[in-house]
Protein backbone atom coordinates (compact mmCIF):
# COMPACT_ATOMS: atom_id res chain seq x y z
CA MET A 1 -32.61 -32.18 22.30
CA LEU A 2 -32.30 -28.64 23.58
CA ARG A 3 -28.22 -29.20 25.02
CA LEU A 4 -26.95 -30.58 21.55
CA ALA A 5 -29.14 -27.17 19.79
CA LEU A 6 -27.17 -24.85 22.76
CA SER A 7 -23.41 -26.05 22.37
CA ARG A 8 -23.93 -24.48 18.26
CA VAL A 9 -25.94 -21.39 18.56
CA GLU A 10 -25.27 -17.78 21.14
CA SER A 11 -28.69 -18.09 22.78
CA ARG A 12 -31.12 -20.49 24.46
CA ALA A 13 -34.37 -18.96 23.03
CA VAL A 14 -32.43 -19.78 20.20
CA ALA A 15 -31.47 -22.91 20.34
CA GLU A 16 -35.83 -23.77 21.35
CA GLU A 17 -36.35 -22.53 18.33
CA VAL A 18 -34.00 -24.82 16.24
CA VAL A 19 -35.48 -27.34 18.42
CA GLN A 20 -38.70 -26.89 17.73
CA ASP A 21 -37.95 -26.33 13.83
CA ALA A 22 -36.49 -29.33 14.40
CA TRP A 23 -39.17 -31.24 15.85
CA LEU A 24 -41.27 -29.69 11.86
CA THR A 25 -38.98 -31.30 10.04
CA VAL A 26 -38.88 -34.48 11.41
CA LEU A 27 -42.72 -34.71 11.24
CA ARG A 28 -42.73 -32.83 6.97
CA SER A 29 -40.01 -35.42 6.63
CA LEU A 30 -40.84 -38.84 8.22
CA ASP A 31 -42.15 -40.85 5.52
CA ARG A 32 -37.79 -40.13 4.38
CA TYR A 33 -36.47 -41.65 7.33
CA GLU A 34 -34.56 -44.88 5.86
CA ARG A 35 -33.33 -46.44 9.32
CA ARG A 36 -30.28 -46.64 8.13
CA SER A 37 -29.58 -45.52 11.68
CA THR A 38 -31.97 -45.24 14.72
CA PHE A 39 -34.57 -42.76 14.94
CA ARG A 40 -33.36 -41.33 18.01
CA THR A 41 -29.24 -40.16 15.50
CA TRP A 42 -31.72 -39.49 12.90
CA VAL A 43 -33.27 -36.77 14.67
CA LEU A 44 -30.45 -35.70 16.39
CA GLY A 45 -28.63 -35.26 13.14
CA ILE A 46 -31.34 -32.92 12.32
CA VAL A 47 -31.02 -30.63 15.15
CA VAL A 48 -27.37 -30.35 14.68
CA ASN A 49 -27.64 -29.27 10.92
CA LEU A 50 -30.25 -26.80 11.61
CA ALA A 51 -27.95 -26.07 14.13
CA ARG A 52 -25.11 -25.12 12.33
CA SER A 53 -26.88 -23.03 9.57
CA ARG A 54 -28.70 -21.21 11.69
CA ALA A 55 -24.96 -20.09 14.08
CA ARG A 56 -23.70 -19.22 10.33
CA ALA A 57 -27.17 -16.81 10.23
CA GLU A 58 -26.50 -15.65 12.96
CA ARG A 59 -22.55 -14.51 13.03
CA ARG A 60 -23.52 -12.69 9.80
CA ALA A 61 -26.75 -11.29 10.56
CA VAL A 62 -25.96 -7.61 12.03
CA PRO A 63 -27.96 -6.43 15.82
CA LEU A 64 -29.72 -3.71 15.24
CA SER A 65 -29.21 -0.88 17.71
CA SER A 66 -31.86 0.19 19.35
CA GLU A 67 -30.52 4.04 19.64
CA PHE A 68 -28.71 5.88 16.93
CA VAL A 69 -25.07 6.32 17.71
CA PRO A 70 -22.71 8.00 14.85
CA SER A 71 -19.87 5.87 13.80
CA VAL A 72 -18.03 9.10 13.66
CA ASP A 73 -17.79 11.88 16.92
CA PRO A 74 -19.61 14.64 15.47
CA ALA A 75 -17.12 17.29 17.68
CA ARG A 76 -14.74 15.89 14.08
CA PHE A 77 -17.39 17.87 12.43
CA LEU A 78 -17.31 21.83 11.63
CA PRO A 79 -20.63 23.34 12.69
CA ALA A 80 -23.33 23.72 10.53
CA ASP A 81 -22.90 27.71 10.56
CA HIS A 82 -19.29 27.74 9.15
CA PRO A 83 -19.04 30.18 6.62
CA ARG A 84 -17.41 28.22 3.70
CA TRP A 85 -17.44 24.45 4.76
CA PRO A 86 -20.68 23.50 6.89
CA HIS A 87 -20.80 19.87 8.30
CA HIS A 88 -16.89 19.08 6.46
CA TRP A 89 -14.26 17.62 8.52
CA ALA A 90 -12.21 19.83 11.12
CA VAL A 91 -8.97 17.86 11.54
CA GLU A 92 -7.85 16.50 8.99
CA PRO A 93 -7.18 12.82 9.46
CA ALA A 94 -3.78 12.07 10.28
CA ALA A 95 -2.04 9.59 7.52
CA TRP A 96 -0.99 5.72 7.81
CA ARG A 97 2.38 4.71 8.43
CA THR A 98 2.77 2.85 4.82
CA PRO A 99 4.73 -0.52 4.38
CA GLU A 100 7.87 0.64 3.77
CA ASP A 101 7.46 3.08 6.96
CA GLU A 102 7.06 -0.18 9.35
CA LEU A 103 10.09 -2.06 7.77
CA LEU A 104 12.04 1.25 8.07
CA ALA A 105 11.18 1.40 11.45
CA GLY A 106 12.13 -2.76 12.72
CA GLU A 107 15.03 -2.79 10.77
CA THR A 108 16.41 0.27 13.41
CA ARG A 109 14.61 -1.33 16.54
CA LYS A 110 16.91 -4.15 15.36
CA VAL A 111 19.79 -2.05 14.86
CA ILE A 112 19.32 -0.38 17.64
CA LEU A 113 18.88 -3.30 20.08
CA GLU A 114 21.54 -5.16 18.59
CA ALA A 115 24.07 -2.33 19.18
CA ILE A 116 22.58 -1.70 23.15
CA ASP A 117 23.63 -6.49 23.00
CA ALA A 118 27.07 -5.10 21.96
CA LEU A 119 27.43 -2.66 25.28
CA PRO A 120 29.66 -2.84 28.23
CA PRO A 121 27.77 -4.84 30.77
CA ALA A 122 27.42 -1.34 32.85
CA GLN A 123 26.25 0.90 29.90
CA ARG A 124 23.58 -1.48 28.51
CA GLU A 125 22.45 -1.42 32.37
CA VAL A 126 21.79 1.51 32.50
CA ILE A 127 20.36 2.48 28.57
CA VAL A 128 17.85 -0.38 29.48
CA LEU A 129 16.79 0.99 32.30
CA ARG A 130 16.58 4.80 31.70
CA ASP A 131 15.55 4.89 28.11
CA VAL A 132 13.04 1.34 27.47
CA GLU A 133 12.41 0.80 30.64
CA GLY A 134 11.59 4.79 31.04
CA MET A 135 12.66 4.59 34.89
CA PRO A 136 14.16 8.18 36.34
CA SER A 137 17.80 8.49 37.11
CA THR A 138 17.71 8.40 41.37
CA ASP A 139 15.73 5.04 40.82
CA VAL A 140 18.20 3.69 38.31
CA CYS A 141 20.76 5.00 40.89
CA ASN A 142 18.98 3.07 43.36
CA ILE A 143 18.56 0.04 41.67
CA LEU A 144 22.34 -0.43 39.65
CA ALA A 145 24.39 1.68 43.28
CA LEU A 146 25.79 4.11 41.13
CA THR A 147 26.34 7.74 42.19
CA ASP A 148 24.21 10.20 39.93
CA THR A 149 27.74 11.24 37.93
CA HIS A 150 28.93 8.22 37.57
CA GLN A 151 24.85 7.48 35.94
CA ARG A 152 25.40 9.94 33.54
CA VAL A 153 28.54 8.76 32.30
CA LEU A 154 27.45 6.01 31.38
CA LEU A 155 24.17 6.59 29.48
CA HIS A 156 25.80 9.02 28.32
CA ARG A 157 28.52 6.58 26.71
CA ALA A 158 25.96 4.70 25.51
CA ARG A 159 23.71 6.85 23.87
CA SER A 160 27.16 7.61 22.21
CA ARG A 161 27.51 3.91 20.83
CA VAL A 162 23.85 3.49 20.20
CA ARG A 163 23.97 6.74 18.25
CA HIS A 164 27.19 5.67 16.91
CA ALA A 165 25.41 2.49 15.14
CA LEU A 166 22.30 4.40 13.32
CA GLU A 167 24.05 6.97 11.90
CA ARG A 168 26.49 3.61 10.30
CA TYR A 169 22.99 1.67 9.59
CA PHE A 170 21.29 5.11 7.80
CA ALA A 171 24.26 6.45 6.04
CA ALA A 172 24.85 2.85 4.22
CA THR A 173 20.88 2.64 3.70
CA GLU A 174 21.00 5.87 2.15
CA ALA A 175 23.93 5.14 0.15
CA THR A 176 22.65 2.53 -1.76
């Protein structure tokens, strides 16, 4: 009974309480046992039902903290002796991005990635390593066996093509 209860609830203490409640329920309901199943099956069914309901109750319960922890850092508020706004927000919360902002960012990201995919291989390698992966130019030169000047030229050309693709995209979206 205890193992079955432990499979449904979080702690051993709760499982032991479930088993105790199950025994009490068995004793109170013994006259309702109809012998449609074995006694063992009937008792374990009671354990399962009690454990399920106890697990639901435990998930809904919010544990109380032993000590008070503020939900917002007190340093984010003005001091009590502030001349105009005591205990008010010191800095206003940052604005949240709107769904439209997220959609536009996703579309813009897609345009950038498509523009990078359309680049010649040498330019694509340089822009991916420098701008996507954030590697320093010396590492890129070592990885691709390029001179610093050649790496800068490839990066400039790649960025110019990506910028041109973005300009076309934004010109098309602003016109509509």
